[in-house]
Amino acid sequence: MPAKYHIHTQPMPPKHKPIGKYGIVDWREDCSACHNCVKRECAYDVYDKERDRLVNALQYVDYLYECKGCLCCVQSCTKGLLTWETNPEYLKLGDEVWTPDIISSTWFQAETGRIPVSGAGYPGPFCGPGFDSILTDMSEIVRPTRDGIHGREYINTQVDIGRKPTALAFNPEGKLALKSPPIVDIPIPAIFGLMPWHKTSPQLLTAILDAAKKLGTYAFVDDSSLFAHDVAIPYVSGEFVPLEARLAVWPDSPDVVRRIEKAKSTNPEMIAIVSLCLNQNAVSRSLELAKAGIDVIHLLADWHGMTVNSDKPKHITHAVREVHLAFVEQGNRDEITLIAGGGIALAEHMAKTIICGADLVSVDVPLMVALECRICKNCQQGLPCPIEIEDVEHDYAVQRIVNLMGAWHNQLLEMMGAMGIREVRRLRGEVGRAMFFDDLERECFEPIFGKRKEL
């Protein structure tokens, strides 16, 4: 049995002041300064840290919001002077998809490399739009030996990138009659994609590539000065293709097959990827590209995880499932590698996208959030980045990205262990391990309450 793949993480504190979710408002004018002040009993030392930081701080408001929300001080203060409040600056983070909780959770994972845990339980709804409409089946969670992180059973997260033969052929001597097509395996079902709108720099891209190398995966890169990096997947927008590249990606275009054939004539061992926008023609175009001999198709939704240029946009999970099922119906699904990207913000999104039919995912915006991006979109408008992400320190950036992916990998192991699946390649298209809210609603409630009205 091969050694377990493990991502080594280590704490990497933030470079900028964190924006916490909760804070305590302290009405000090009525304080009697009693000797049993509850502030001394704070389990997280929030008050002591605040006092120490305020000694030389000029902007101290942010530090008031490092409260963990246990409410011990609020409930124990004998005069009721403490009040629990939500930070208004926290609520301004992100948008309706990249929510403040997702951003805050990503910061935590990038800093610690640990799985975020809510000790107070989950107070939110049990379904919602997009990824939240898929519930995973955790019926095997009672088997401790199948704990992917600490258990005895090995859970494999390795995936292959490239065209795979459906059958082997042998010559009379018992040797393979045909040469196997080029293939690359990576230990996690994720590669790093291009940033959808962030302004990057060679320094930032180098850090992303080095983090990918440390994880054993690959990264798309559109800066030709970095094409020679060991784990770079060059994004070929012109005619130039580096001869030594093992993988390369082309944006879809009418002549993309011809350009790839020309590149493969000089480098037949190269694995060609076509990046295809997920739109209403994605299914037919994917089948067409596969028939033309393309090895890998990158299905790219917008950064909110929705199909593009469509009157009725679909979520990436629905669009990927349609492409996957089209290949299944044709009987050639195992030949093609499907990479899905766009809107994947959490580890559970990675697992759910694979359940819907992708072999692996491309991760983009979470890498920026790991480096403390607020998704303020200043760079989209040509304004200065408040955290100067283009000038990010190399070692800091590499470790924060490695920590994030380490936390994601552990969460994937936990989910697969709870679903009773030991091989991530078996998870692909395994919708029997998931429940779709739309299906549940149609089967359980529609016979009673009728069909839901479209808004």
Foldseek 3Di string as FASTA:
>chain_A
DDDAQAQDAAAFDAPDQDQAWKAKDFPCVPDPPDPVQCLVVPPVNLVVVLVVVVPPDDDSPRSRRPDPPPCPNCVPPPVNRIDMDTDPVLQPFDDPQCGSVLLVQLQVLLRGLAADDDPVDDPDDQADPFLSLKFFFLQLLPDQLLQCPPHPDHFFAKFKFWFFDPDFDADPVRHTPDDTAAMDMFRHQEEAEEAQQDDAAPLLVVLNQVLCVSRRAAYEDDDVVCCPRPRYAYEDDDLDDDQPAQEHEYEDDPCPLVSVVVSCVSPVNHQYEYEYQQDPCVQVVVVVVVVSPHIEYEYEYAQLQWGPPYPDIDGVLVSQLSNQVSCVVVVRNNRHAYEYEHSDRALSSQLSSQLSAHRGYHDYVSLVSLSVQRPPCCVNVVHQGPSNSNPDDNVSSSSSVSSSVSNSVSVVSSSCSSLVHRYSNVSGNNCVRMDRNVVCCCVPPCVPPNDDDDD
